[in-house]
Amino acid sequence: MIERVKLTAAAKQQLITLKRRTGIEHYNIICRHALIASLNNPAPAPVENLQFANGLEIDWEVFAGGYGDTYLNLLIVRTQQENLATTTGEVRQVLTSHLHRGLSYLASRKDAEISFVATL
């Protein structure tokens, strides 16, 4: 259903910042934390007109780290909760919106507040 996860240039910069602050080596791990942080918020993530030029792409299998079915099911449930059709396009939009919101959320936190991420 999802082959690649696309990130904007701003999200790429947030990943660089989070990598430096947490010591986590791989972007996919940070992205998983960001997605879950956003999904934990009951409000729908804002749908923005994102520009992916100079951004980053991660293969779904790398992003999901062997838990592709679990993450996909979480996204499908969230898509349904937001009263959207569970089409590939809508699920991809929910992933993109929540991932970007989660990265913004994590990047805006103080170092001490995100240090727990490095231990996971």
PDB file of N, CA and C in Angstrom:
ATOM      1  N   MET A   1       0.825  -1.198   0.000  1.00  0.00           N
ATOM      2  CA  MET A   1       0.000   0.000   0.000  1.00  0.00           C
ATOM      3  C   MET A   1       0.867   1.258   0.000  1.00  0.00           C
ATOM      4  N   ILE A   2       1.865   1.305   0.859  1.00  0.00           N
ATOM      5  CA  ILE A   2       2.788   2.443   0.906  1.00  0.00           C
ATOM      6  C   ILE A   2       4.178   1.913   0.564  1.00  0.00           C
ATOM      7  N   GLU A   3       4.796   2.530  -0.419  1.00  0.00           N
ATOM      8  CA  GLU A   3       6.127   2.081  -0.825  1.00  0.00           C
ATOM      9  C   GLU A   3       7.232   2.978  -0.288  1.00  0.00           C
ATOM     10  N   ARG A   4       6.973   4.292  -0.270  1.00  0.00           N
ATOM     11  CA  ARG A   4       7.990   5.257   0.164  1.00  0.00           C
ATOM     12  C   ARG A   4       7.347   6.282   1.073  1.00  0.00           C
ATOM     13  N   VAL A   5       8.107   6.741   2.045  1.00  0.00           N
ATOM     14  CA  VAL A   5       7.689   7.810   2.944  1.00  0.00           C
ATOM     15  C   VAL A   5       8.445   9.054   2.513  1.00  0.00           C
ATOM     16  N   LYS A   6       7.701  10.109   2.177  1.00  0.00           N
ATOM     17  CA  LYS A   6       8.329  11.342   1.696  1.00  0.00           C
ATOM     18  C   LYS A   6       8.323  12.403   2.786  1.00  0.00           C
ATOM     19  N   LEU A   7       9.443  13.095   2.899  1.00  0.00           N
ATOM     20  CA  LEU A   7       9.602  14.155   3.881  1.00  0.00           C
ATOM     21  C   LEU A   7      10.040  15.438   3.187  1.00  0.00           C
ATOM     22  N   THR A   8       9.602  16.553   3.705  1.00  0.00           N
ATOM     23  CA  THR A   8       9.980  17.853   3.164  1.00  0.00           C
ATOM     24  C   THR A   8      11.405  18.213   3.591  1.00  0.00           C
ATOM     25  N   ALA A   9      11.932  19.278   2.991  1.00  0.00           N
ATOM     26  CA  ALA A   9      13.261  19.763   3.376  1.00  0.00           C
ATOM     27  C   ALA A   9      13.261  20.218   4.834  1.00  0.00           C
ATOM     28  N   ALA A  10      12.162  20.830   5.283  1.00  0.00           N
ATOM     29  CA  ALA A  10      12.072  21.264   6.686  1.00  0.00           C
ATOM     30  C   ALA A  10      12.089  20.056   7.623  1.00  0.00           C
ATOM     31  N   ALA A  11      11.378  18.991   7.253  1.00  0.00           N
ATOM     32  CA  ALA A  11      11.377  17.778   8.067  1.00  0.00           C
ATOM     33  C   ALA A  11      12.765  17.148   8.100  1.00  0.00           C
ATOM     34  N   LYS A  12      13.464  17.215   6.983  1.00  0.00           N
ATOM     35  CA  LYS A  12      14.838  16.694   6.930  1.00  0.00           C
ATOM     36  C   LYS A  12      15.725  17.445   7.921  1.00  0.00           C
ATOM     37  N   GLN A  13      15.576  18.764   7.980  1.00  0.00           N
ATOM     38  CA  GLN A  13      16.353  19.558   8.930  1.00  0.00           C
ATOM     39  C   GLN A  13      15.975  19.214  10.371  1.00  0.00           C
ATOM     40  N   GLN A  14      14.698  18.963  10.612  1.00  0.00           N
ATOM     41  CA  GLN A  14      14.270  18.556  11.953  1.00  0.00           C
ATOM     42  C   GLN A  14      14.880  17.212  12.320  1.00  0.00           C
ATOM     43  N   LEU A  15      14.956  16.299  11.365  1.00  0.00           N
ATOM     44  CA  LEU A  15      15.591  15.004  11.619  1.00  0.00           C
ATOM     45  C   LEU A  15      17.064  15.167  11.963  1.00  0.00           C
ATOM     46  N   ILE A  16      17.748  16.037  11.249  1.00  0.00           N
ATOM     47  CA  ILE A  16      19.164  16.297  11.537  1.00  0.00           C
ATOM     48  C   ILE A  16      19.321  16.830  12.956  1.00  0.00           C
ATOM     49  N   THR A  17      18.461  17.761  13.335  1.00  0.00           N
ATOM     50  CA  THR A  17      18.495  18.318  14.690  1.00  0.00           C
ATOM     51  C   THR A  17      18.216  17.249  15.732  1.00  0.00           C
ATOM     52  N   LEU A  18      17.186  16.441  15.506  1.00  0.00           N
ATOM     53  CA  LEU A  18      16.826  15.395  16.466  1.00  0.00           C
ATOM     54  C   LEU A  18      17.907  14.325  16.558  1.00  0.00           C
ATOM     55  N   LYS A  19      18.528  14.009  15.454  1.00  0.00           N
ATOM     56  CA  LYS A  19      19.621  13.035  15.460  1.00  0.00           C
ATOM     57  C   LYS A  19      20.769  13.532  16.332  1.00  0.00           C
ATOM     58  N   ARG A  20      21.090  14.806  16.182  1.00  0.00           N
ATOM     59  CA  ARG A  20      22.169  15.403  16.974  1.00  0.00           C
ATOM     60  C   ARG A  20      21.797  15.447  18.460  1.00  0.00           C
ATOM     61  N   ARG A  21      20.562  15.825  18.756  1.00  0.00           N
ATOM     62  CA  ARG A  21      20.145  15.982  20.148  1.00  0.00           C
ATOM     63  C   ARG A  21      19.918  14.664  20.874  1.00  0.00           C
ATOM     64  N   THR A  22      19.505  13.622  20.155  1.00  0.00           N
ATOM     65  CA  THR A  22      19.194  12.354  20.812  1.00  0.00           C
ATOM     66  C   THR A  22      20.305  11.326  20.717  1.00  0.00           C
ATOM     67  N   GLY A  23      21.148  11.458  19.708  1.00  0.00           N
ATOM     68  CA  GLY A  23      22.169  10.444  19.486  1.00  0.00           C
ATOM     69  C   GLY A  23      21.656   9.238  18.717  1.00  0.00           C
ATOM     70  N   ILE A  24      20.389   9.256  18.309  1.00  0.00           N
ATOM     71  CA  ILE A  24      19.849   8.168  17.497  1.00  0.00           C
ATOM     72  C   ILE A  24      20.441   8.294  16.096  1.00  0.00           C
ATOM     73  N   GLU A  25      21.004   7.196  15.597  1.00  0.00           N
ATOM     74  CA  GLU A  25      21.736   7.239  14.337  1.00  0.00           C
ATOM     75  C   GLU A  25      20.856   7.249  13.092  1.00  0.00           C
ATOM     76  N   HIS A  26      19.713   6.604  13.149  1.00  0.00           N
ATOM     77  CA  HIS A  26      18.933   6.369  11.933  1.00  0.00           C
ATOM     78  C   HIS A  26      17.640   7.183  11.919  1.00  0.00           C
ATOM     79  N   TYR A  27      17.405   7.809  10.790  1.00  0.00           N
ATOM     80  CA  TYR A  27      16.221   8.649  10.630  1.00  0.00           C
ATOM     81  C   TYR A  27      14.923   7.856  10.787  1.00  0.00           C
ATOM     82  N   ASN A  28      14.911   6.612  10.331  1.00  0.00           N
ATOM     83  CA  ASN A  28      13.675   5.835  10.394  1.00  0.00           C
ATOM     84  C   ASN A  28      13.206   5.632  11.835  1.00  0.00           C
ATOM     85  N   ILE A  29      14.120   5.493  12.754  1.00  0.00           N
ATOM     86  CA  ILE A  29      13.739   5.311  14.161  1.00  0.00           C
ATOM     87  C   ILE A  29      13.136   6.601  14.704  1.00  0.00           C
ATOM     88  N   ILE A  30      13.744   7.720  14.384  1.00  0.00           N
ATOM     89  CA  ILE A  30      13.205   9.009  14.819  1.00  0.00           C
ATOM     90  C   ILE A  30      11.825   9.221  14.201  1.00  0.00           C
ATOM     91  N   CYS A  31      11.680   8.860  12.934  1.00  0.00           N
ATOM     92  CA  CYS A  31      10.384   9.019  12.259  1.00  0.00           C
ATOM     93  C   CYS A  31       9.300   8.166  12.918  1.00  0.00           C
ATOM     94  N   ARG A  32       9.633   6.970  13.337  1.00  0.00           N
ATOM     95  CA  ARG A  32       8.643   6.129  14.026  1.00  0.00           C
ATOM     96  C   ARG A  32       8.169   6.787  15.312  1.00  0.00           C
ATOM     97  N   HIS A  33       9.110   7.337  16.075  1.00  0.00           N
ATOM     98  CA  HIS A  33       8.735   8.035  17.310  1.00  0.00           C
ATOM     99  C   HIS A  33       7.863   9.246  17.004  1.00  0.00           C
ATOM    100  N   ALA A  34       8.212   9.974  15.946  1.00  0.00           N
ATOM    101  CA  ALA A  34       7.437  11.155  15.572  1.00  0.00           C
ATOM    102  C   ALA A  34       6.018  10.761  15.165  1.00  0.00           C
ATOM    103  N   LEU A  35       5.888   9.704  14.399  1.00  0.00           N
ATOM    104  CA  LEU A  35       4.559   9.249  13.984  1.00  0.00           C
ATOM    105  C   LEU A  35       3.708   8.881  15.191  1.00  0.00           C
ATOM    106  N   ILE A  36       4.259   8.120  16.100  1.00  0.00           N
ATOM    107  CA  ILE A  36       3.498   7.704  17.286  1.00  0.00           C
ATOM    108  C   ILE A  36       3.166   8.898  18.170  1.00  0.00           C
ATOM    109  N   ALA A  37       4.088   9.850  18.291  1.00  0.00           N
ATOM    110  CA  ALA A  37       3.814  11.057  19.085  1.00  0.00           C
ATOM    111  C   ALA A  37       2.622  11.808  18.510  1.00  0.00           C
ATOM    112  N   SER A  38       2.532  11.890  17.190  1.00  0.00           N
ATOM    113  CA  SER A  38       1.413  12.587  16.572  1.00  0.00           C
ATOM    114  C   SER A  38       0.124  11.774  16.665  1.00  0.00           C
ATOM    115  N   LEU A  39       0.208  10.476  16.428  1.00  0.00           N
ATOM    116  CA  LEU A  39      -0.989   9.637  16.519  1.00  0.00           C
ATOM    117  C   LEU A  39      -1.560   9.633  17.924  1.00  0.00           C
ATOM    118  N   ASN A  40      -0.724   9.874  18.919  1.00  0.00           N
ATOM    119  CA  ASN A  40      -1.173   9.925  20.307  1.00  0.00           C
ATOM    120  C   ASN A  40      -2.072  11.134  20.571  1.00  0.00           C
ATOM    121  N   ASN A  41      -1.956  12.159  19.750  1.00  0.00           N
ATOM    122  CA  ASN A  41      -2.792  13.349  19.866  1.00  0.00           C
ATOM    123  C   ASN A  41      -4.113  13.056  19.160  1.00  0.00           C
ATOM    124  N   PRO A  42      -5.251  13.177  19.856  1.00  0.00           N
ATOM    125  CA  PRO A  42      -6.534  12.825  19.236  1.00  0.00           C
ATOM    126  C   PRO A  42      -6.983  13.781  18.122  1.00  0.00           C
ATOM    127  N   ALA A  43      -6.426  14.962  18.066  1.00  0.00           N
ATOM    128  CA  ALA A  43      -6.812  15.915  17.022  1.00  0.00           C
ATOM    129  C   ALA A  43      -6.203  15.503  15.687  1.00  0.00           C
ATOM    130  N   PRO A  44      -6.940  15.681  14.603  1.00  0.00           N
ATOM    131  CA  PRO A  44      -6.358  15.382  13.287  1.00  0.00           C
ATOM    132  C   PRO A  44      -5.158  16.288  13.010  1.00  0.00           C
ATOM    133  N   ALA A  45      -4.172  15.740  12.345  1.00  0.00           N
ATOM    134  CA  ALA A  45      -3.018  16.548  11.947  1.00  0.00           C
ATOM    135  C   ALA A  45      -3.458  17.476  10.820  1.00  0.00           C
ATOM    136  N   PRO A  46      -2.910  18.673  10.780  1.00  0.00           N
ATOM    137  CA  PRO A  46      -3.306  19.592   9.707  1.00  0.00           C
ATOM    138  C   PRO A  46      -2.836  19.075   8.344  1.00  0.00           C
ATOM    139  N   VAL A  47      -3.704  19.220   7.375  1.00  0.00           N
ATOM    140  CA  VAL A  47      -3.346  18.850   6.014  1.00  0.00           C
ATOM    141  C   VAL A  47      -2.749  20.091   5.364  1.00  0.00           C
ATOM    142  N   GLU A  48      -1.499  19.983   4.979  1.00  0.00           N
ATOM    143  CA  GLU A  48      -0.788  21.114   4.413  1.00  0.00           C
ATOM    144  C   GLU A  48      -0.383  20.792   2.977  1.00  0.00           C
ATOM    145  N   ASN A  49      -0.115  21.814   2.219  1.00  0.00           N
ATOM    146  CA  ASN A  49       0.400  21.646   0.869  1.00  0.00           C
ATOM    147  C   ASN A  49       1.921  21.555   0.981  1.00  0.00           C
ATOM    148  N   LEU A  50       2.409  20.359   1.200  1.00  0.00           N
ATOM    149  CA  LEU A  50       3.833  20.152   1.452  1.00  0.00           C
ATOM    150  C   LEU A  50       4.619  20.074   0.151  1.00  0.00           C
ATOM    151  N   GLN A  51       5.807  20.627   0.173  1.00  0.00           N
ATOM    152  CA  GLN A  51       6.720  20.583  -0.970  1.00  0.00           C
ATOM    153  C   GLN A  51       7.878  19.640  -0.625  1.00  0.00           C
ATOM    154  N   PHE A  52       8.067  18.622  -1.428  1.00  0.00           N
ATOM    155  CA  PHE A  52       9.047  17.586  -1.111  1.00  0.00           C
ATOM    156  C   PHE A  52      10.395  17.780  -1.795  1.00  0.00           C
ATOM    157  N   ALA A  53      10.555  18.864  -2.543  1.00  0.00           N
ATOM    158  CA  ALA A  53      11.840  19.139  -3.189  1.00  0.00           C
ATOM    159  C   ALA A  53      12.917  19.306  -2.121  1.00  0.00           C
ATOM    160  N   ASN A  54      14.068  18.729  -2.348  1.00  0.00           N
ATOM    161  CA  ASN A  54      15.210  18.772  -1.422  1.00  0.00           C
ATOM    162  C   ASN A  54      14.913  18.095  -0.088  1.00  0.00           C
ATOM    163  N   GLY A  55      13.884  17.262  -0.095  1.00  0.00           N
ATOM    164  CA  GLY A  55      13.524  16.538   1.112  1.00  0.00           C
ATOM    165  C   GLY A  55      14.228  15.190   1.181  1.00  0.00           C
ATOM    166  N   LEU A  56      13.513  14.228   1.663  1.00  0.00           N
ATOM    167  CA  LEU A  56      14.087  12.918   1.922  1.00  0.00           C
ATOM    168  C   LEU A  56      13.020  11.874   1.660  1.00  0.00           C
ATOM    169  N   GLU A  57      13.415  10.712   1.187  1.00  0.00           N
ATOM    170  CA  GLU A  57      12.504   9.594   1.022  1.00  0.00           C
ATOM    171  C   GLU A  57      13.081   8.388   1.749  1.00  0.00           C
ATOM    172  N   ILE A  58      12.203   7.660   2.393  1.00  0.00           N
ATOM    173  CA  ILE A  58      12.594   6.450   3.109  1.00  0.00           C
ATOM    174  C   ILE A  58      11.707   5.319   2.604  1.00  0.00           C
ATOM    175  N   ASP A  59      12.283   4.193   2.258  1.00  0.00           N
ATOM    176  CA  ASP A  59      11.490   3.030   1.868  1.00  0.00           C
ATOM    177  C   ASP A  59      10.586   2.629   3.031  1.00  0.00           C
ATOM    178  N   TRP A  60       9.373   2.217   2.723  1.00  0.00           N
ATOM    179  CA  TRP A  60       8.417   1.815   3.753  1.00  0.00           C
ATOM    180  C   TRP A  60       8.999   0.712   4.634  1.00  0.00           C
ATOM    181  N   GLU A  61       9.652  -0.266   4.034  1.00  0.00           N
ATOM    182  CA  GLU A  61      10.207  -1.375   4.807  1.00  0.00           C
ATOM    183  C   GLU A  61      11.279  -0.895   5.782  1.00  0.00           C
ATOM    184  N   VAL A  62      12.068   0.075   5.378  1.00  0.00           N
ATOM    185  CA  VAL A  62      13.082   0.646   6.275  1.00  0.00           C
ATOM    186  C   VAL A  62      12.388   1.454   7.366  1.00  0.00           C
ATOM    187  N   PHE A  63      11.428   2.281   6.973  1.00  0.00           N
ATOM    188  CA  PHE A  63      10.689   3.084   7.944  1.00  0.00           C
ATOM    189  C   PHE A  63      10.045   2.187   9.009  1.00  0.00           C
ATOM    190  N   ALA A  64       9.352   1.149   8.559  1.00  0.00           N
ATOM    191  CA  ALA A  64       8.583   0.299   9.470  1.00  0.00           C
ATOM    192  C   ALA A  64       9.453  -0.677  10.254  1.00  0.00           C
ATOM    193  N   GLY A  65      10.641  -0.962   9.770  1.00  0.00           N
ATOM    194  CA  GLY A  65      11.554  -1.829  10.504  1.00  0.00           C
ATOM    195  C   GLY A  65      10.998  -3.199  10.842  1.00  0.00           C
ATOM    196  N   GLY A  66      10.303  -3.827   9.927  1.00  0.00           N
ATOM    197  CA  GLY A  66       9.746  -5.153  10.190  1.00  0.00           C
ATOM    198  C   GLY A  66       8.365  -5.128  10.824  1.00  0.00           C
ATOM    199  N   TYR A  67       7.848  -3.953  11.100  1.00  0.00           N
ATOM    200  CA  TYR A  67       6.524  -3.823  11.703  1.00  0.00           C
ATOM    201  C   TYR A  67       5.559  -3.109  10.753  1.00  0.00           C
ATOM    202  N   GLY A  68       5.751  -3.342   9.460  1.00  0.00           N
ATOM    203  CA  GLY A  68       4.946  -2.665   8.451  1.00  0.00           C
ATOM    204  C   GLY A  68       3.461  -2.878   8.624  1.00  0.00           C
ATOM    205  N   ASP A  69       3.047  -4.112   8.911  1.00  0.00           N
ATOM    206  CA  ASP A  69       1.622  -4.389   9.097  1.00  0.00           C
ATOM    207  C   ASP A  69       1.062  -3.640  10.299  1.00  0.00           C
ATOM    208  N   THR A  70       1.832  -3.563  11.359  1.00  0.00           N
ATOM    209  CA  THR A  70       1.379  -2.862  12.569  1.00  0.00           C
ATOM    210  C   THR A  70       1.202  -1.378  12.293  1.00  0.00           C
ATOM    211  N   TYR A  71       2.204  -0.755  11.682  1.00  0.00           N
ATOM    212  CA  TYR A  71       2.100   0.672  11.379  1.00  0.00           C
ATOM    213  C   TYR A  71       0.984   0.942  10.374  1.00  0.00           C
ATOM    214  N   LEU A  72       0.843   0.077   9.383  1.00  0.00           N
ATOM    215  CA  LEU A  72      -0.218   0.251   8.404  1.00  0.00           C
ATOM    216  C   LEU A  72      -1.585   0.149   9.066  1.00  0.00           C
ATOM    217  N   ASN A  73      -1.748  -0.804   9.960  1.00  0.00           N
ATOM    218  CA  ASN A  73      -3.022  -0.938  10.669  1.00  0.00           C
ATOM    219  C   ASN A  73      -3.307   0.275  11.552  1.00  0.00           C
ATOM    220  N   LEU A  74      -2.292   0.796  12.216  1.00  0.00           N
ATOM    221  CA  LEU A  74      -2.475   2.017  13.005  1.00  0.00           C
ATOM    222  C   LEU A  74      -2.940   3.173  12.125  1.00  0.00           C
ATOM    223  N   LEU A  75      -2.353   3.283  10.947  1.00  0.00           N
ATOM    224  CA  LEU A  75      -2.719   4.357  10.021  1.00  0.00           C
ATOM    225  C   LEU A  75      -4.135   4.170   9.479  1.00  0.00           C
ATOM    226  N   ILE A  76      -4.516   2.929   9.192  1.00  0.00           N
ATOM    227  CA  ILE A  76      -5.864   2.666   8.697  1.00  0.00           C
ATOM    228  C   ILE A  76      -6.897   3.005   9.765  1.00  0.00           C
ATOM    229  N   VAL A  77      -6.633   2.594  11.002  1.00  0.00           N
ATOM    230  CA  VAL A  77      -7.554   2.918  12.095  1.00  0.00           C
ATOM    231  C   VAL A  77      -7.673   4.426  12.258  1.00  0.00           C
ATOM    232  N   ARG A  78      -6.539   5.119  12.209  1.00  0.00           N
ATOM    233  CA  ARG A  78      -6.572   6.574  12.364  1.00  0.00           C
ATOM    234  C   ARG A  78      -7.305   7.234  11.201  1.00  0.00           C
ATOM    235  N   THR A  79      -7.116   6.719  10.008  1.00  0.00           N
ATOM    236  CA  THR A  79      -7.826   7.235   8.839  1.00  0.00           C
ATOM    237  C   THR A  79      -9.329   7.099   9.049  1.00  0.00           C
ATOM    238  N   GLN A  80      -9.760   5.964   9.555  1.00  0.00           N
ATOM    239  CA  GLN A  80     -11.180   5.753   9.842  1.00  0.00           C
ATOM    240  C   GLN A  80     -11.668   6.683  10.945  1.00  0.00           C
ATOM    241  N   GLN A  81     -10.865   6.865  11.992  1.00  0.00           N
ATOM    242  CA  GLN A  81     -11.247   7.768  13.087  1.00  0.00           C
ATOM    243  C   GLN A  81     -11.412   9.200  12.605  1.00  0.00           C
ATOM    244  N   GLU A  82     -10.668   9.573  11.583  1.00  0.00           N
ATOM    245  CA  GLU A  82     -10.752  10.920  11.043  1.00  0.00           C
ATOM    246  C   GLU A  82     -11.811  11.016   9.943  1.00  0.00           C
ATOM    247  N   ASN A  83     -12.636   9.966   9.835  1.00  0.00           N
ATOM    248  CA  ASN A  83     -13.746   9.908   8.873  1.00  0.00           C
ATOM    249  C   ASN A  83     -13.293  10.077   7.430  1.00  0.00           C
ATOM    250  N   LEU A  84     -12.168   9.467   7.107  1.00  0.00           N
ATOM    251  CA  LEU A  84     -11.652   9.486   5.751  1.00  0.00           C
ATOM    252  C   LEU A  84     -11.786   8.091   5.155  1.00  0.00           C
ATOM    253  N   ALA A  85     -11.842   8.019   3.857  1.00  0.00           N
ATOM    254  CA  ALA A  85     -11.871   6.722   3.182  1.00  0.00           C
ATOM    255  C   ALA A  85     -10.504   6.056   3.359  1.00  0.00           C
ATOM    256  N   THR A  86     -10.503   4.758   3.456  1.00  0.00           N
ATOM    257  CA  THR A  86      -9.238   4.047   3.673  1.00  0.00           C
ATOM    258  C   THR A  86      -8.592   3.668   2.336  1.00  0.00           C
ATOM    259  N   THR A  87      -8.556   4.622   1.445  1.00  0.00           N
ATOM    260  CA  THR A  87      -7.861   4.416   0.176  1.00  0.00           C
ATOM    261  C   THR A  87      -6.359   4.592   0.407  1.00  0.00           C
ATOM    262  N   THR A  88      -5.586   4.117  -0.534  1.00  0.00           N
ATOM    263  CA  THR A  88      -4.133   4.267  -0.438  1.00  0.00           C
ATOM    264  C   THR A  88      -3.752   5.734  -0.303  1.00  0.00           C
ATOM    265  N   GLY A  89      -4.384   6.593  -1.088  1.00  0.00           N
ATOM    266  CA  GLY A  89      -4.069   8.021  -1.046  1.00  0.00           C
ATOM    267  C   GLY A  89      -4.381   8.651   0.302  1.00  0.00           C
ATOM    268  N   GLU A  90      -5.503   8.313   0.887  1.00  0.00           N
ATOM    269  CA  GLU A  90      -5.879   8.879   2.193  1.00  0.00           C
ATOM    270  C   GLU A  90      -4.977   8.363   3.300  1.00  0.00           C
ATOM    271  N   VAL A  91      -4.655   7.086   3.282  1.00  0.00           N
ATOM    272  CA  VAL A  91      -3.757   6.519   4.300  1.00  0.00           C
ATOM    273  C   VAL A  91      -2.381   7.160   4.180  1.00  0.00           C
ATOM    274  N   ARG A  92      -1.905   7.349   2.953  1.00  0.00           N
ATOM    275  CA  ARG A  92      -0.614   8.006   2.730  1.00  0.00           C
ATOM    276  C   ARG A  92      -0.658   9.449   3.239  1.00  0.00           C
ATOM    277  N   GLN A  93      -1.784  10.136   3.020  1.00  0.00           N
ATOM    278  CA  GLN A  93      -1.926  11.518   3.492  1.00  0.00           C
ATOM    279  C   GLN A  93      -1.911  11.582   5.017  1.00  0.00           C
ATOM    280  N   VAL A  94      -2.578  10.640   5.667  1.00  0.00           N
ATOM    281  CA  VAL A  94      -2.580  10.590   7.132  1.00  0.00           C
ATOM    282  C   VAL A  94      -1.167  10.337   7.644  1.00  0.00           C
ATOM    283  N   LEU A  95      -0.449   9.417   7.011  1.00  0.00           N
ATOM    284  CA  LEU A  95       0.948   9.163   7.389  1.00  0.00           C
ATOM    285  C   LEU A  95       1.780  10.430   7.261  1.00  0.00           C
ATOM    286  N   THR A  96       1.684  11.078   6.117  1.00  0.00           N
ATOM    287  CA  THR A  96       2.492  12.264   5.858  1.00  0.00           C
ATOM    288  C   THR A  96       2.167  13.384   6.835  1.00  0.00           C
ATOM    289  N   SER A  97       0.895  13.640   7.049  1.00  0.00           N
ATOM    290  CA  SER A  97       0.478  14.718   7.960  1.00  0.00           C
ATOM    291  C   SER A  97       0.931  14.450   9.390  1.00  0.00           C
ATOM    292  N   HIS A  98       0.714  13.225   9.850  1.00  0.00           N
ATOM    293  CA  HIS A  98       1.084  12.904  11.229  1.00  0.00           C
ATOM    294  C   HIS A  98       2.596  12.842  11.414  1.00  0.00           C
ATOM    295  N   LEU A  99       3.292  12.343  10.424  1.00  0.00           N
ATOM    296  CA  LEU A  99       4.749  12.279  10.531  1.00  0.00           C
ATOM    297  C   LEU A  99       5.349  13.681  10.615  1.00  0.00           C
ATOM    298  N   HIS A 100       4.888  14.587   9.781  1.00  0.00           N
ATOM    299  CA  HIS A 100       5.408  15.953   9.812  1.00  0.00           C
ATOM    300  C   HIS A 100       5.019  16.668  11.107  1.00  0.00           C
ATOM    301  N   ARG A 101       3.781  16.458  11.579  1.00  0.00           N
ATOM    302  CA  ARG A 101       3.387  17.071  12.849  1.00  0.00           C
ATOM    303  C   ARG A 101       4.235  16.502  13.989  1.00  0.00           C
ATOM    304  N   GLY A 102       4.463  15.204  13.983  1.00  0.00           N
ATOM    305  CA  GLY A 102       5.263  14.580  15.033  1.00  0.00           C
ATOM    306  C   GLY A 102       6.694  15.068  15.042  1.00  0.00           C
ATOM    307  N   LEU A 103       7.289  15.243  13.863  1.00  0.00           N
ATOM    308  CA  LEU A 103       8.653  15.770  13.796  1.00  0.00           C
ATOM    309  C   LEU A 103       8.710  17.193  14.328  1.00  0.00           C
ATOM    310  N   SER A 104       7.727  18.005  13.980  1.00  0.00           N
ATOM    311  CA  SER A 104       7.672  19.378  14.499  1.00  0.00           C
ATOM    312  C   SER A 104       7.533  19.370  16.013  1.00  0.00           C
ATOM    313  N   TYR A 105       6.694  18.483  16.498  1.00  0.00           N
ATOM    314  CA  TYR A 105       6.470  18.363  17.940  1.00  0.00           C
ATOM    315  C   TYR A 105       7.771  17.975  18.661  1.00  0.00           C
ATOM    316  N   LEU A 106       8.441  16.947  18.173  1.00  0.00           N
ATOM    317  CA  LEU A 106       9.679  16.501  18.827  1.00  0.00           C
ATOM    318  C   LEU A 106      10.786  17.539  18.709  1.00  0.00           C
ATOM    319  N   ALA A 107      10.909  18.161  17.555  1.00  0.00           N
ATOM    320  CA  ALA A 107      11.983  19.146  17.347  1.00  0.00           C
ATOM    321  C   ALA A 107      11.787  20.392  18.204  1.00  0.00           C
ATOM    322  N   SER A 108      10.544  20.691  18.577  1.00  0.00           N
ATOM    323  CA  SER A 108      10.279  21.893  19.368  1.00  0.00           C
ATOM    324  C   SER A 108      10.483  21.679  20.862  1.00  0.00           C
ATOM    325  N   ARG A 109      10.677  20.447  21.270  1.00  0.00           N
ATOM    326  CA  ARG A 109      10.840  20.148  22.700  1.00  0.00           C
ATOM    327  C   ARG A 109      12.261  20.412  23.144  1.00  0.00           C
ATOM    328  N   LYS A 110      12.406  20.653  24.434  1.00  0.00           N
ATOM    329  CA  LYS A 110      13.734  20.874  25.012  1.00  0.00           C
ATOM    330  C   LYS A 110      14.500  19.558  25.059  1.00  0.00           C
ATOM    331  N   ASP A 111      15.827  19.655  25.103  1.00  0.00           N
ATOM    332  CA  ASP A 111      16.672  18.465  25.103  1.00  0.00           C
ATOM    333  C   ASP A 111      16.270  17.455  26.173  1.00  0.00           C
ATOM    334  N   ALA A 112      16.024  17.906  27.380  1.00  0.00           N
ATOM    335  CA  ALA A 112      15.694  16.986  28.474  1.00  0.00           C
ATOM    336  C   ALA A 112      14.380  16.277  28.227  1.00  0.00           C
ATOM    337  N   GLU A 113      13.471  16.924  27.521  1.00  0.00           N
ATOM    338  CA  GLU A 113      12.159  16.333  27.291  1.00  0.00           C
ATOM    339  C   GLU A 113      12.180  15.237  26.212  1.00  0.00           C
ATOM    340  N   ILE A 114      13.188  15.247  25.349  1.00  0.00           N
ATOM    341  CA  ILE A 114      13.248  14.213  24.324  1.00  0.00           C
ATOM    342  C   ILE A 114      14.373  13.212  24.577  1.00  0.00           C
ATOM    343  N   SER A 115      15.080  13.358  25.662  1.00  0.00           N
ATOM    344  CA  SER A 115      16.190  12.449  25.931  1.00  0.00           C
ATOM    345  C   SER A 115      15.712  11.011  26.093  1.00  0.00           C
ATOM    346  N   PHE A 116      14.449  10.817  26.490  1.00  0.00           N
ATOM    347  CA  PHE A 116      13.920   9.468  26.638  1.00  0.00           C
ATOM    348  C   PHE A 116      13.963   8.715  25.311  1.00  0.00           C
ATOM    349  N   VAL A 117      13.854   9.420  24.202  1.00  0.00           N
ATOM    350  CA  VAL A 117      13.828   8.784  22.897  1.00  0.00           C
ATOM    351  C   VAL A 117      15.120   8.013  22.655  1.00  0.00           C
ATOM    352  N   ALA A 118      16.235   8.540  23.100  1.00  0.00           N
ATOM    353  CA  ALA A 118      17.522   7.889  22.860  1.00  0.00           C
ATOM    354  C   ALA A 118      17.635   6.566  23.592  1.00  0.00           C
ATOM    355  N   THR A 119      16.830   6.344  24.608  1.00  0.00           N
ATOM    356  CA  THR A 119      16.908   5.102  25.360  1.00  0.00           C
ATOM    357  C   THR A 119      16.028   4.021  24.809  1.00  0.00           C
ATOM    358  N   LEU A 120      15.154   4.343  23.855  1.00  0.00           N
ATOM    359  CA  LEU A 120      14.239   3.345  23.317  1.00  0.00           C
ATOM    360  C   LEU A 120      14.862   2.524  22.218  1.00  0.00           C
TER     361      LEU A 120
END
